């Protein structure tokens, strides 16, 4: 049964990013739990610390600020969208993998996404 599932996924070409987006879309319309909200705030605080560390790299500072500037307020709004927040973390990881990959992984953990090993890896970006 596991092999059949693996073959289906390989034939469909489902990548980690596609699975992540589907997971986030399924959560849209649900506010973060109090624990998830605390973790999002901790992640935001970490980003502010990182901004200080990258003060000599304005492009990275701007990217971090862009990814986090609305997160604390939007995470308590009824219209909160996990997929909207994910879009910012994916862009941060794509444009600045040296910092963005860590934040994307942390966001995955907060929203309960687990990239199982049978997912196809994302294609390398050029």
PDB file of N, CA and C in Angstrom:
ATOM      1  N   UNK A   1       0.816  -1.199   0.000  1.00  0.00           N
ATOM      2  CA  UNK A   1       0.000   0.000   0.000  1.00  0.00           C
ATOM      3  C   UNK A   1       0.860   1.263   0.000  1.00  0.00           C
ATOM      4  N   UNK A   2       1.961   1.255   0.751  1.00  0.00           N
ATOM      5  CA  UNK A   2       2.858   2.406   0.788  1.00  0.00           C
ATOM      6  C   UNK A   2       3.474   2.633  -0.588  1.00  0.00           C
ATOM      7  N   UNK A   3       3.845   1.544  -1.266  1.00  0.00           N
ATOM      8  CA  UNK A   3       4.445   1.686  -2.591  1.00  0.00           C
ATOM      9  C   UNK A   3       3.451   2.271  -3.582  1.00  0.00           C
ATOM     10  N   UNK A   4       2.212   1.876  -3.482  1.00  0.00           N
ATOM     11  CA  UNK A   4       1.191   2.408  -4.379  1.00  0.00           C
ATOM     12  C   UNK A   4       1.042   3.916  -4.168  1.00  0.00           C
ATOM     13  N   UNK A   5       1.044   4.335  -2.917  1.00  0.00           N
ATOM     14  CA  UNK A   5       0.958   5.764  -2.602  1.00  0.00           C
ATOM     15  C   UNK A   5       2.157   6.522  -3.166  1.00  0.00           C
ATOM     16  N   UNK A   6       3.340   5.949  -3.027  1.00  0.00           N
ATOM     17  CA  UNK A   6       4.555   6.569  -3.540  1.00  0.00           C
ATOM     18  C   UNK A   6       4.493   6.698  -5.059  1.00  0.00           C
ATOM     19  N   UNK A   7       4.059   5.659  -5.733  1.00  0.00           N
ATOM     20  CA  UNK A   7       3.970   5.676  -7.193  1.00  0.00           C
ATOM     21  C   UNK A   7       2.969   6.736  -7.649  1.00  0.00           C
ATOM     22  N   UNK A   8       1.820   6.828  -6.986  1.00  0.00           N
ATOM     23  CA  UNK A   8       0.830   7.852  -7.338  1.00  0.00           C
ATOM     24  C   UNK A   8       1.421   9.249  -7.201  1.00  0.00           C
ATOM     25  N   UNK A   9       2.113   9.494  -6.101  1.00  0.00           N
ATOM     26  CA  UNK A   9       2.689  10.823  -5.890  1.00  0.00           C
ATOM     27  C   UNK A   9       3.760  11.143  -6.908  1.00  0.00           C
ATOM     28  N   UNK A  10       4.571  10.157  -7.249  1.00  0.00           N
ATOM     29  CA  UNK A  10       5.608  10.387  -8.240  1.00  0.00           C
ATOM     30  C   UNK A  10       4.998  10.660  -9.617  1.00  0.00           C
ATOM     31  N   UNK A  11       3.932   9.946  -9.953  1.00  0.00           N
ATOM     32  CA  UNK A  11       3.281  10.151 -11.239  1.00  0.00           C
ATOM     33  C   UNK A  11       2.562  11.497 -11.307  1.00  0.00           C
ATOM     34  N   UNK A  12       1.982  11.918 -10.213  1.00  0.00           N
ATOM     35  CA  UNK A  12       1.280  13.206 -10.174  1.00  0.00           C
ATOM     36  C   UNK A  12       2.243  14.381 -10.082  1.00  0.00           C
ATOM     37  N   UNK A  13       3.457  14.135  -9.647  1.00  0.00           N
ATOM     38  CA  UNK A  13       4.427  15.207  -9.553  1.00  0.00           C
ATOM     39  C   UNK A  13       4.168  16.178  -8.420  1.00  0.00           C
ATOM     40  N   UNK A  14       3.675  15.701  -7.301  1.00  0.00           N
ATOM     41  CA  UNK A  14       3.373  16.569  -6.166  1.00  0.00           C
ATOM     42  C   UNK A  14       4.668  16.908  -5.443  1.00  0.00           C
ATOM     43  N   UNK A  15       5.017  18.175  -5.437  1.00  0.00           N
ATOM     44  CA  UNK A  15       6.242  18.611  -4.774  1.00  0.00           C
ATOM     45  C   UNK A  15       5.943  19.033  -3.338  1.00  0.00           C
ATOM     46  N   UNK A  16       6.988  19.245  -2.599  1.00  0.00           N
ATOM     47  CA  UNK A  16       6.849  19.717  -1.218  1.00  0.00           C
ATOM     48  C   UNK A  16       6.110  21.055  -1.202  1.00  0.00           C
ATOM     49  N   UNK A  17       6.472  21.956  -2.105  1.00  0.00           N
ATOM     50  CA  UNK A  17       5.815  23.276  -2.146  1.00  0.00           C
ATOM     51  C   UNK A  17       4.325  23.152  -2.443  1.00  0.00           C
ATOM     52  N   UNK A  18       3.968  22.289  -3.360  1.00  0.00           N
ATOM     53  CA  UNK A  18       2.549  22.098  -3.678  1.00  0.00           C
ATOM     54  C   UNK A  18       1.791  21.543  -2.472  1.00  0.00           C
ATOM     55  N   UNK A  19       2.388  20.567  -1.813  1.00  0.00           N
ATOM     56  CA  UNK A  19       1.739  20.002  -0.625  1.00  0.00           C
ATOM     57  C   UNK A  19       1.624  21.058   0.472  1.00  0.00           C
ATOM     58  N   UNK A  20       2.661  21.869   0.639  1.00  0.00           N
ATOM     59  CA  UNK A  20       2.650  22.925   1.652  1.00  0.00           C
ATOM     60  C   UNK A  20       1.515  23.924   1.378  1.00  0.00           C
ATOM     61  N   UNK A  21       1.388  24.333   0.123  1.00  0.00           N
ATOM     62  CA  UNK A  21       0.333  25.296  -0.233  1.00  0.00           C
ATOM     63  C   UNK A  21      -1.056  24.702  -0.002  1.00  0.00           C
ATOM     64  N   UNK A  22      -1.234  23.450  -0.386  1.00  0.00           N
ATOM     65  CA  UNK A  22      -2.536  22.799  -0.144  1.00  0.00           C
ATOM     66  C   UNK A  22      -2.854  22.727   1.348  1.00  0.00           C
ATOM     67  N   UNK A  23      -1.842  22.409   2.144  1.00  0.00           N
ATOM     68  CA  UNK A  23      -2.023  22.341   3.595  1.00  0.00           C
ATOM     69  C   UNK A  23      -2.449  23.701   4.133  1.00  0.00           C
ATOM     70  N   UNK A  24      -1.763  24.756   3.705  1.00  0.00           N
ATOM     71  CA  UNK A  24      -2.100  26.109   4.164  1.00  0.00           C
ATOM     72  C   UNK A  24      -3.509  26.502   3.728  1.00  0.00           C
ATOM     73  N   UNK A  25      -3.871  26.174   2.498  1.00  0.00           N
ATOM     74  CA  UNK A  25      -5.215  26.497   2.013  1.00  0.00           C
ATOM     75  C   UNK A  25      -6.287  25.803   2.834  1.00  0.00           C
ATOM     76  N   UNK A  26      -6.016  24.587   3.287  1.00  0.00           N
ATOM     77  CA  UNK A  26      -6.981  23.873   4.130  1.00  0.00           C
ATOM     78  C   UNK A  26      -7.157  24.558   5.482  1.00  0.00           C
ATOM     79  N   UNK A  27      -6.136  25.278   5.929  1.00  0.00           N
ATOM     80  CA  UNK A  27      -6.213  25.982   7.215  1.00  0.00           C
ATOM     81  C   UNK A  27      -6.816  27.371   7.089  1.00  0.00           C
ATOM     82  N   UNK A  28      -6.904  27.897   5.883  1.00  0.00           N
ATOM     83  CA  UNK A  28      -7.456  29.243   5.701  1.00  0.00           C
ATOM     84  C   UNK A  28      -8.834  29.336   6.338  1.00  0.00           C
ATOM     85  N   UNK A  29      -9.082  30.450   6.986  1.00  0.00           N
ATOM     86  CA  UNK A  29     -10.348  30.655   7.684  1.00  0.00           C
ATOM     87  C   UNK A  29     -10.305  30.232   9.137  1.00  0.00           C
ATOM     88  N   UNK A  30      -9.232  29.593   9.554  1.00  0.00           N
ATOM     89  CA  UNK A  30      -9.053  29.200  10.954  1.00  0.00           C
ATOM     90  C   UNK A  30      -8.000  30.101  11.587  1.00  0.00           C
ATOM     91  N   UNK A  31      -8.354  30.691  12.694  1.00  0.00           N
ATOM     92  CA  UNK A  31      -7.371  31.493  13.416  1.00  0.00           C
ATOM     93  C   UNK A  31      -6.338  30.577  14.061  1.00  0.00           C
ATOM     94  N   UNK A  32      -5.131  31.077  14.243  1.00  0.00           N
ATOM     95  CA  UNK A  32      -4.133  30.279  14.968  1.00  0.00           C
ATOM     96  C   UNK A  32      -4.614  29.988  16.384  1.00  0.00           C
ATOM     97  N   UNK A  33      -4.260  28.831  16.880  1.00  0.00           N
ATOM     98  CA  UNK A  33      -4.549  28.517  18.284  1.00  0.00           C
ATOM     99  C   UNK A  33      -3.688  29.446  19.149  1.00  0.00           C
ATOM    100  N   UNK A  34      -3.999  29.555  20.442  1.00  0.00           N
ATOM    101  CA  UNK A  34      -3.137  30.383  21.299  1.00  0.00           C
ATOM    102  C   UNK A  34      -1.671  29.960  21.247  1.00  0.00           C
ATOM    103  N   UNK A  35      -1.393  28.664  21.181  1.00  0.00           N
ATOM    104  CA  UNK A  35      -0.003  28.204  21.098  1.00  0.00           C
ATOM    105  C   UNK A  35       0.619  28.578  19.755  1.00  0.00           C
ATOM    106  N   UNK A  36      -0.130  28.426  18.677  1.00  0.00           N
ATOM    107  CA  UNK A  36       0.388  28.820  17.361  1.00  0.00           C
ATOM    108  C   UNK A  36       0.653  30.324  17.319  1.00  0.00           C
ATOM    109  N   UNK A  37      -0.261  31.100  17.901  1.00  0.00           N
ATOM    110  CA  UNK A  37      -0.072  32.552  17.922  1.00  0.00           C
ATOM    111  C   UNK A  37       1.193  32.912  18.707  1.00  0.00           C
ATOM    112  N   UNK A  38       1.408  32.263  19.838  1.00  0.00           N
ATOM    113  CA  UNK A  38       2.620  32.525  20.623  1.00  0.00           C
ATOM    114  C   UNK A  38       3.861  32.197  19.800  1.00  0.00           C
ATOM    115  N   UNK A  39       3.816  31.092  19.075  1.00  0.00           N
ATOM    116  CA  UNK A  39       4.955  30.706  18.245  1.00  0.00           C
ATOM    117  C   UNK A  39       5.165  31.692  17.095  1.00  0.00           C
ATOM    118  N   UNK A  40       4.087  32.200  16.513  1.00  0.00           N
ATOM    119  CA  UNK A  40       4.218  33.206  15.454  1.00  0.00           C
ATOM    120  C   UNK A  40       4.840  34.495  15.995  1.00  0.00           C
ATOM    121  N   UNK A  41       4.449  34.884  17.205  1.00  0.00           N
ATOM    122  CA  UNK A  41       5.024  36.082  17.828  1.00  0.00           C
ATOM    123  C   UNK A  41       6.500  35.845  18.133  1.00  0.00           C
ATOM    124  N   UNK A  42       6.840  34.666  18.635  1.00  0.00           N
ATOM    125  CA  UNK A  42       8.256  34.348  18.878  1.00  0.00           C
ATOM    126  C   UNK A  42       9.055  34.393  17.576  1.00  0.00           C
ATOM    127  N   UNK A  43       8.465  33.892  16.504  1.00  0.00           N
ATOM    128  CA  UNK A  43       9.127  33.924  15.208  1.00  0.00           C
ATOM    129  C   UNK A  43       9.337  35.366  14.746  1.00  0.00           C
ATOM    130  N   UNK A  44       8.347  36.216  14.970  1.00  0.00           N
ATOM    131  CA  UNK A  44       8.453  37.633  14.620  1.00  0.00           C
ATOM    132  C   UNK A  44       9.547  38.304  15.429  1.00  0.00           C
ATOM    133  N   UNK A  45       9.606  38.016  16.722  1.00  0.00           N
ATOM    134  CA  UNK A  45      10.660  38.585  17.568  1.00  0.00           C
ATOM    135  C   UNK A  45      12.035  38.148  17.073  1.00  0.00           C
ATOM    136  N   UNK A  46      12.146  36.902  16.663  1.00  0.00           N
ATOM    137  CA  UNK A  46      13.409  36.422  16.124  1.00  0.00           C
ATOM    138  C   UNK A  46      13.778  37.172  14.845  1.00  0.00           C
ATOM    139  N   UNK A  47      12.778  37.467  14.016  1.00  0.00           N
ATOM    140  CA  UNK A  47      13.041  38.211  12.782  1.00  0.00           C
ATOM    141  C   UNK A  47      13.566  39.610  13.085  1.00  0.00           C
ATOM    142  N   UNK A  48      13.027  40.248  14.116  1.00  0.00           N
ATOM    143  CA  UNK A  48      13.523  41.582  14.487  1.00  0.00           C
ATOM    144  C   UNK A  48      14.978  41.510  14.927  1.00  0.00           C
ATOM    145  N   UNK A  49      15.338  40.459  15.624  1.00  0.00           N
ATOM    146  CA  UNK A  49      16.735  40.267  16.019  1.00  0.00           C
ATOM    147  C   UNK A  49      17.597  40.037  14.782  1.00  0.00           C
ATOM    148  N   UNK A  50      17.087  39.259  13.849  1.00  0.00           N
ATOM    149  CA  UNK A  50      17.829  39.004  12.609  1.00  0.00           C
ATOM    150  C   UNK A  50      18.019  40.293  11.813  1.00  0.00           C
ATOM    151  N   UNK A  51      17.016  41.153  11.822  1.00  0.00           N
ATOM    152  CA  UNK A  51      17.131  42.436  11.121  1.00  0.00           C
ATOM    153  C   UNK A  51      18.322  43.225  11.657  1.00  0.00           C
ATOM    154  N   UNK A  52      18.495  43.206  12.952  1.00  0.00           N
ATOM    155  CA  UNK A  52      19.658  43.898  13.534  1.00  0.00           C
ATOM    156  C   UNK A  52      20.957  43.257  13.062  1.00  0.00           C
ATOM    157  N   UNK A  53      20.975  41.954  12.919  1.00  0.00           N
ATOM    158  CA  UNK A  53      22.178  41.245  12.486  1.00  0.00           C
ATOM    159  C   UNK A  53      22.529  41.516  11.023  1.00  0.00           C
ATOM    160  N   UNK A  54      21.524  41.831  10.218  1.00  0.00           N
ATOM    161  CA  UNK A  54      21.735  42.063   8.791  1.00  0.00           C
ATOM    162  C   UNK A  54      21.690  43.549   8.436  1.00  0.00           C
ATOM    163  N   UNK A  55      21.978  44.417   9.397  1.00  0.00           N
ATOM    164  CA  UNK A  55      21.858  45.854   9.155  1.00  0.00           C
ATOM    165  C   UNK A  55      22.736  46.335   7.999  1.00  0.00           C
ATOM    166  N   UNK A  56      23.773  45.609   7.675  1.00  0.00           N
ATOM    167  CA  UNK A  56      24.640  45.992   6.559  1.00  0.00           C
ATOM    168  C   UNK A  56      24.167  45.401   5.225  1.00  0.00           C
ATOM    169  N   UNK A  57      23.020  44.697   5.238  1.00  0.00           N
ATOM    170  CA  UNK A  57      22.450  44.101   4.030  1.00  0.00           C
ATOM    171  C   UNK A  57      20.996  44.558   3.881  1.00  0.00           C
ATOM    172  N   UNK A  58      20.788  45.771   3.372  1.00  0.00           N
ATOM    173  CA  UNK A  58      19.431  46.337   3.338  1.00  0.00           C
ATOM    174  C   UNK A  58      18.415  45.498   2.571  1.00  0.00           C
ATOM    175  N   UNK A  59      18.845  44.754   1.570  1.00  0.00           N
ATOM    176  CA  UNK A  59      17.898  43.935   0.801  1.00  0.00           C
ATOM    177  C   UNK A  59      17.329  42.819   1.687  1.00  0.00           C
ATOM    178  N   UNK A  60      18.166  42.212   2.508  1.00  0.00           N
ATOM    179  CA  UNK A  60      17.716  41.158   3.423  1.00  0.00           C
ATOM    180  C   UNK A  60      16.825  41.765   4.511  1.00  0.00           C
ATOM    181  N   UNK A  61      17.216  42.930   5.020  1.00  0.00           N
ATOM    182  CA  UNK A  61      16.405  43.615   6.037  1.00  0.00           C
ATOM    183  C   UNK A  61      15.013  43.899   5.493  1.00  0.00           C
ATOM    184  N   UNK A  62      14.937  44.418   4.275  1.00  0.00           N
ATOM    185  CA  UNK A  62      13.642  44.715   3.671  1.00  0.00           C
ATOM    186  C   UNK A  62      12.815  43.438   3.502  1.00  0.00           C
ATOM    187  N   UNK A  63      13.454  42.359   3.053  1.00  0.00           N
ATOM    188  CA  UNK A  63      12.734  41.095   2.846  1.00  0.00           C
ATOM    189  C   UNK A  63      12.173  40.555   4.161  1.00  0.00           C
ATOM    190  N   UNK A  64      12.962  40.626   5.230  1.00  0.00           N
ATOM    191  CA  UNK A  64      12.476  40.180   6.545  1.00  0.00           C
ATOM    192  C   UNK A  64      11.323  41.058   7.013  1.00  0.00           C
ATOM    193  N   UNK A  65      11.482  42.371   6.880  1.00  0.00           N
ATOM    194  CA  UNK A  65      10.416  43.284   7.293  1.00  0.00           C
ATOM    195  C   UNK A  65       9.148  43.024   6.497  1.00  0.00           C
ATOM    196  N   UNK A  66       9.290  42.776   5.205  1.00  0.00           N
ATOM    197  CA  UNK A  66       8.133  42.497   4.354  1.00  0.00           C
ATOM    198  C   UNK A  66       7.417  41.221   4.782  1.00  0.00           C
ATOM    199  N   UNK A  67       8.191  40.208   5.145  1.00  0.00           N
ATOM    200  CA  UNK A  67       7.587  38.928   5.539  1.00  0.00           C
ATOM    201  C   UNK A  67       6.845  39.021   6.876  1.00  0.00           C
ATOM    202  N   UNK A  68       7.292  39.899   7.763  1.00  0.00           N
ATOM    203  CA  UNK A  68       6.761  39.898   9.133  1.00  0.00           C
ATOM    204  C   UNK A  68       5.939  41.115   9.526  1.00  0.00           C
ATOM    205  N   UNK A  69       5.917  42.162   8.737  1.00  0.00           N
ATOM    206  CA  UNK A  69       5.337  43.414   9.214  1.00  0.00           C
ATOM    207  C   UNK A  69       3.868  43.337   9.616  1.00  0.00           C
ATOM    208  N   UNK A  70       3.082  42.510   8.984  1.00  0.00           N
ATOM    209  CA  UNK A  70       1.654  42.414   9.321  1.00  0.00           C
ATOM    210  C   UNK A  70       1.287  41.184  10.132  1.00  0.00           C
ATOM    211  N   UNK A  71       2.225  40.289  10.330  1.00  0.00           N
ATOM    212  CA  UNK A  71       1.900  38.989  10.925  1.00  0.00           C
ATOM    213  C   UNK A  71       1.244  39.079  12.305  1.00  0.00           C
ATOM    214  N   UNK A  72       1.783  39.838  13.265  1.00  0.00           N
ATOM    215  CA  UNK A  72       1.136  39.848  14.592  1.00  0.00           C
ATOM    216  C   UNK A  72      -0.308  40.361  14.566  1.00  0.00           C
ATOM    217  N   UNK A  73      -0.564  41.375  13.738  1.00  0.00           N
ATOM    218  CA  UNK A  73      -1.916  41.922  13.674  1.00  0.00           C
ATOM    219  C   UNK A  73      -2.855  41.019  12.890  1.00  0.00           C
ATOM    220  N   UNK A  74      -2.385  40.507  11.748  1.00  0.00           N
ATOM    221  CA  UNK A  74      -3.253  39.692  10.912  1.00  0.00           C
ATOM    222  C   UNK A  74      -3.580  38.338  11.536  1.00  0.00           C
ATOM    223  N   UNK A  75      -2.700  37.822  12.367  1.00  0.00           N
ATOM    224  CA  UNK A  75      -2.927  36.490  12.944  1.00  0.00           C
ATOM    225  C   UNK A  75      -4.096  36.464  13.916  1.00  0.00           C
ATOM    226  N   UNK A  76      -4.582  37.619  14.323  1.00  0.00           N
ATOM    227  CA  UNK A  76      -5.753  37.658  15.207  1.00  0.00           C
ATOM    228  C   UNK A  76      -6.992  38.193  14.485  1.00  0.00           C
ATOM    229  N   UNK A  77      -6.850  38.521  13.211  1.00  0.00           N
ATOM    230  CA  UNK A  77      -7.979  39.040  12.437  1.00  0.00           C
ATOM    231  C   UNK A  77      -8.818  37.882  11.903  1.00  0.00           C
ATOM    232  N   UNK A  78     -10.134  38.048  11.898  1.00  0.00           N
ATOM    233  CA  UNK A  78     -11.003  36.966  11.407  1.00  0.00           C
ATOM    234  C   UNK A  78     -10.695  36.534   9.979  1.00  0.00           C
ATOM    235  N   UNK A  79     -10.141  37.417   9.184  1.00  0.00           N
ATOM    236  CA  UNK A  79      -9.837  37.082   7.795  1.00  0.00           C
ATOM    237  C   UNK A  79      -8.434  36.511   7.621  1.00  0.00           C
ATOM    238  N   UNK A  80      -7.801  36.081   8.722  1.00  0.00           N
ATOM    239  CA  UNK A  80      -6.438  35.545   8.634  1.00  0.00           C
ATOM    240  C   UNK A  80      -6.378  34.402   7.636  1.00  0.00           C
ATOM    241  N   UNK A  81      -5.311  34.416   6.835  1.00  0.00           N
ATOM    242  CA  UNK A  81      -5.111  33.395   5.815  1.00  0.00           C
ATOM    243  C   UNK A  81      -3.717  32.796   5.977  1.00  0.00           C
ATOM    244  N   UNK A  82      -3.669  31.513   6.278  1.00  0.00           N
ATOM    245  CA  UNK A  82      -2.394  30.816   6.385  1.00  0.00           C
ATOM    246  C   UNK A  82      -1.667  30.839   5.048  1.00  0.00           C
ATOM    247  N   UNK A  83      -2.408  30.692   3.947  1.00  0.00           N
ATOM    248  CA  UNK A  83      -1.765  30.685   2.639  1.00  0.00           C
ATOM    249  C   UNK A  83      -1.215  32.063   2.286  1.00  0.00           C
ATOM    250  N   UNK A  84      -1.844  33.131   2.755  1.00  0.00           N
ATOM    251  CA  UNK A  84      -1.319  34.482   2.547  1.00  0.00           C
ATOM    252  C   UNK A  84       0.016  34.629   3.263  1.00  0.00           C
ATOM    253  N   UNK A  85       0.076  34.201   4.512  1.00  0.00           N
ATOM    254  CA  UNK A  85       1.331  34.280   5.272  1.00  0.00           C
ATOM    255  C   UNK A  85       2.396  33.394   4.629  1.00  0.00           C
ATOM    256  N   UNK A  86       2.002  32.221   4.187  1.00  0.00           N
ATOM    257  CA  UNK A  86       2.942  31.301   3.554  1.00  0.00           C
ATOM    258  C   UNK A  86       3.585  31.929   2.324  1.00  0.00           C
ATOM    259  N   UNK A  87       2.811  32.687   1.561  1.00  0.00           N
ATOM    260  CA  UNK A  87       3.333  33.331   0.367  1.00  0.00           C
ATOM    261  C   UNK A  87       4.562  34.200   0.710  1.00  0.00           C
ATOM    262  N   UNK A  88       4.497  34.920   1.821  1.00  0.00           N
ATOM    263  CA  UNK A  88       5.619  35.770   2.235  1.00  0.00           C
ATOM    264  C   UNK A  88       6.830  34.934   2.643  1.00  0.00           C
ATOM    265  N   UNK A  89       6.589  33.840   3.358  1.00  0.00           N
ATOM    266  CA  UNK A  89       7.698  32.984   3.791  1.00  0.00           C
ATOM    267  C   UNK A  89       8.338  32.254   2.613  1.00  0.00           C
ATOM    268  N   UNK A  90       7.517  31.850   1.637  1.00  0.00           N
ATOM    269  CA  UNK A  90       8.071  31.211   0.438  1.00  0.00           C
ATOM    270  C   UNK A  90       8.937  32.195  -0.348  1.00  0.00           C
ATOM    271  N   UNK A  91       8.473  33.431  -0.457  1.00  0.00           N
ATOM    272  CA  UNK A  91       9.260  34.438  -1.177  1.00  0.00           C
ATOM    273  C   UNK A  91      10.573  34.722  -0.452  1.00  0.00           C
ATOM    274  N   UNK A  92      10.502  34.814   0.879  1.00  0.00           N
ATOM    275  CA  UNK A  92      11.714  35.042   1.665  1.00  0.00           C
ATOM    276  C   UNK A  92      12.711  33.897   1.453  1.00  0.00           C
ATOM    277  N   UNK A  93      12.220  32.661   1.472  1.00  0.00           N
ATOM    278  CA  UNK A  93      13.095  31.494   1.272  1.00  0.00           C
ATOM    279  C   UNK A  93      13.655  31.443  -0.146  1.00  0.00           C
ATOM    280  N   UNK A  94      12.842  31.829  -1.115  1.00  0.00           N
ATOM    281  CA  UNK A  94      13.304  31.807  -2.509  1.00  0.00           C
ATOM    282  C   UNK A  94      14.369  32.886  -2.753  1.00  0.00           C
ATOM    283  N   UNK A  95      14.110  34.087  -2.247  1.00  0.00           N
ATOM    284  CA  UNK A  95      15.010  35.207  -2.530  1.00  0.00           C
ATOM    285  C   UNK A  95      16.226  35.262  -1.615  1.00  0.00           C
ATOM    286  N   UNK A  96      16.088  34.756  -0.401  1.00  0.00           N
ATOM    287  CA  UNK A  96      17.172  34.818   0.587  1.00  0.00           C
ATOM    288  C   UNK A  96      17.237  33.518   1.382  1.00  0.00           C
ATOM    289  N   UNK A  97      17.637  32.434   0.727  1.00  0.00           N
ATOM    290  CA  UNK A  97      17.634  31.136   1.403  1.00  0.00           C
ATOM    291  C   UNK A  97      18.519  31.088   2.641  1.00  0.00           C
ATOM    292  N   UNK A  98      19.512  31.939   2.719  1.00  0.00           N
ATOM    293  CA  UNK A  98      20.395  31.935   3.886  1.00  0.00           C
ATOM    294  C   UNK A  98      19.636  32.247   5.176  1.00  0.00           C
ATOM    295  N   UNK A  99      18.532  32.969   5.094  1.00  0.00           N
ATOM    296  CA  UNK A  99      17.699  33.213   6.278  1.00  0.00           C
ATOM    297  C   UNK A  99      16.294  32.660   6.076  1.00  0.00           C
ATOM    298  N   UNK A 100      15.806  32.726   4.839  1.00  0.00           N
ATOM    299  CA  UNK A 100      14.422  32.362   4.568  1.00  0.00           C
ATOM    300  C   UNK A 100      14.084  30.904   4.757  1.00  0.00           C
ATOM    301  N   UNK A 101      15.030  30.013   4.471  1.00  0.00           N
ATOM    302  CA  UNK A 101      14.751  28.581   4.642  1.00  0.00           C
ATOM    303  C   UNK A 101      14.414  28.255   6.091  1.00  0.00           C
ATOM    304  N   UNK A 102      15.133  28.878   7.003  1.00  0.00           N
ATOM    305  CA  UNK A 102      14.891  28.618   8.425  1.00  0.00           C
ATOM    306  C   UNK A 102      13.498  29.087   8.824  1.00  0.00           C
ATOM    307  N   UNK A 103      13.096  30.283   8.373  1.00  0.00           N
ATOM    308  CA  UNK A 103      11.770  30.799   8.724  1.00  0.00           C
ATOM    309  C   UNK A 103      10.654  29.982   8.074  1.00  0.00           C
ATOM    310  N   UNK A 104      10.863  29.529   6.852  1.00  0.00           N
ATOM    311  CA  UNK A 104       9.859  28.688   6.194  1.00  0.00           C
ATOM    312  C   UNK A 104       9.690  27.371   6.938  1.00  0.00           C
ATOM    313  N   UNK A 105      10.787  26.773   7.356  1.00  0.00           N
ATOM    314  CA  UNK A 105      10.718  25.529   8.132  1.00  0.00           C
ATOM    315  C   UNK A 105      10.013  25.748   9.463  1.00  0.00           C
ATOM    316  N   UNK A 106      10.312  26.866  10.112  1.00  0.00           N
ATOM    317  CA  UNK A 106       9.650  27.183  11.385  1.00  0.00           C
ATOM    318  C   UNK A 106       8.155  27.402  11.170  1.00  0.00           C
ATOM    319  N   UNK A 107       7.773  28.089  10.095  1.00  0.00           N
ATOM    320  CA  UNK A 107       6.360  28.304   9.796  1.00  0.00           C
ATOM    321  C   UNK A 107       5.672  26.979   9.493  1.00  0.00           C
ATOM    322  N   UNK A 108       6.358  26.094   8.765  1.00  0.00           N
ATOM    323  CA  UNK A 108       5.812  24.750   8.525  1.00  0.00           C
ATOM    324  C   UNK A 108       5.465  24.070   9.842  1.00  0.00           C
ATOM    325  N   UNK A 109       6.393  24.118  10.777  1.00  0.00           N
ATOM    326  CA  UNK A 109       6.204  23.465  12.077  1.00  0.00           C
ATOM    327  C   UNK A 109       5.007  24.087  12.806  1.00  0.00           C
ATOM    328  N   UNK A 110       4.881  25.406  12.760  1.00  0.00           N
ATOM    329  CA  UNK A 110       3.789  26.089  13.451  1.00  0.00           C
ATOM    330  C   UNK A 110       2.440  25.697  12.860  1.00  0.00           C
ATOM    331  N   UNK A 111       2.359  25.616  11.527  1.00  0.00           N
ATOM    332  CA  UNK A 111       1.057  25.300  10.923  1.00  0.00           C
ATOM    333  C   UNK A 111       0.809  23.798  10.828  1.00  0.00           C
ATOM    334  N   UNK A 112       1.766  22.995  11.315  1.00  0.00           N
ATOM    335  CA  UNK A 112       1.560  21.556  11.368  1.00  0.00           C
ATOM    336  C   UNK A 112       1.826  20.845  10.068  1.00  0.00           C
ATOM    337  N   UNK A 113       2.638  21.434   9.210  1.00  0.00           N
ATOM    338  CA  UNK A 113       2.980  20.795   7.946  1.00  0.00           C
ATOM    339  C   UNK A 113       4.240  19.964   8.118  1.00  0.00           C
ATOM    340  N   UNK A 114       4.186  18.742   7.593  1.00  0.00           N
ATOM    341  CA  UNK A 114       5.351  17.861   7.646  1.00  0.00           C
ATOM    342  C   UNK A 114       5.623  17.374   6.233  1.00  0.00           C
ATOM    343  N   UNK A 115       6.786  17.750   5.712  1.00  0.00           N
ATOM    344  CA  UNK A 115       7.158  17.308   4.362  1.00  0.00           C
ATOM    345  C   UNK A 115       7.620  15.866   4.450  1.00  0.00           C
ATOM    346  N   UNK A 116       6.718  14.956   4.148  1.00  0.00           N
ATOM    347  CA  UNK A 116       7.064  13.539   4.234  1.00  0.00           C
ATOM    348  C   UNK A 116       8.081  13.188   3.163  1.00  0.00           C
ATOM    349  N   UNK A 117       8.890  12.207   3.402  1.00  0.00           N
ATOM    350  CA  UNK A 117       9.982  11.905   2.466  1.00  0.00           C
ATOM    351  C   UNK A 117       9.537  11.397   1.104  1.00  0.00           C
ATOM    352  N   UNK A 118       8.267  11.013   0.947  1.00  0.00           N
ATOM    353  CA  UNK A 118       7.854  10.531  -0.374  1.00  0.00           C
ATOM    354  C   UNK A 118       7.455  11.677  -1.302  1.00  0.00           C
ATOM    355  N   UNK A 119       7.487  12.908  -0.831  1.00  0.00           N
ATOM    356  CA  UNK A 119       7.218  14.037  -1.715  1.00  0.00           C
ATOM    357  C   UNK A 119       8.424  14.269  -2.606  1.00  0.00           C
ATOM    358  N   UNK A 120       8.149  14.707  -3.810  1.00  0.00           N
ATOM    359  CA  UNK A 120       9.246  15.046  -4.700  1.00  0.00           C
ATOM    360  C   UNK A 120       9.924  16.324  -4.187  1.00  0.00           C
ATOM    361  N   UNK A 121      11.212  16.430  -4.297  1.00  0.00           N
ATOM    362  CA  UNK A 121      11.852  17.667  -3.890  1.00  0.00           C
ATOM    363  C   UNK A 121      11.495  18.789  -4.843  1.00  0.00           C
ATOM    364  N   UNK A 122      11.575  20.035  -4.375  1.00  0.00           N
ATOM    365  CA  UNK A 122      11.333  21.163  -5.252  1.00  0.00           C
ATOM    366  C   UNK A 122      12.435  21.220  -6.291  1.00  0.00           C
ATOM    367  N   UNK A 123      12.090  21.643  -7.490  1.00  0.00           N
ATOM    368  CA  UNK A 123      13.133  21.783  -8.504  1.00  0.00           C
ATOM    369  C   UNK A 123      14.057  22.933  -8.119  1.00  0.00           C
ATOM    370  N   UNK A 124      15.325  22.856  -8.481  1.00  0.00           N
ATOM    371  CA  UNK A 124      16.232  23.945  -8.139  1.00  0.00           C
ATOM    372  C   UNK A 124      15.816  25.217  -8.845  1.00  0.00           C
ATOM    373  N   UNK A 125      15.907  26.354  -8.146  1.00  0.00           N
ATOM    374  CA  UNK A 125      15.570  27.631  -8.764  1.00  0.00           C
ATOM    375  C   UNK A 125      16.806  28.189  -9.463  1.00  0.00           C
ATOM    376  N   UNK A 126      16.572  28.876 -10.533  1.00  0.00           N
ATOM    377  CA  UNK A 126      17.708  29.422 -11.295  1.00  0.00           C
ATOM    378  C   UNK A 126      17.690  30.911 -11.241  1.00  0.00           C
TER     379      UNK A 126
END
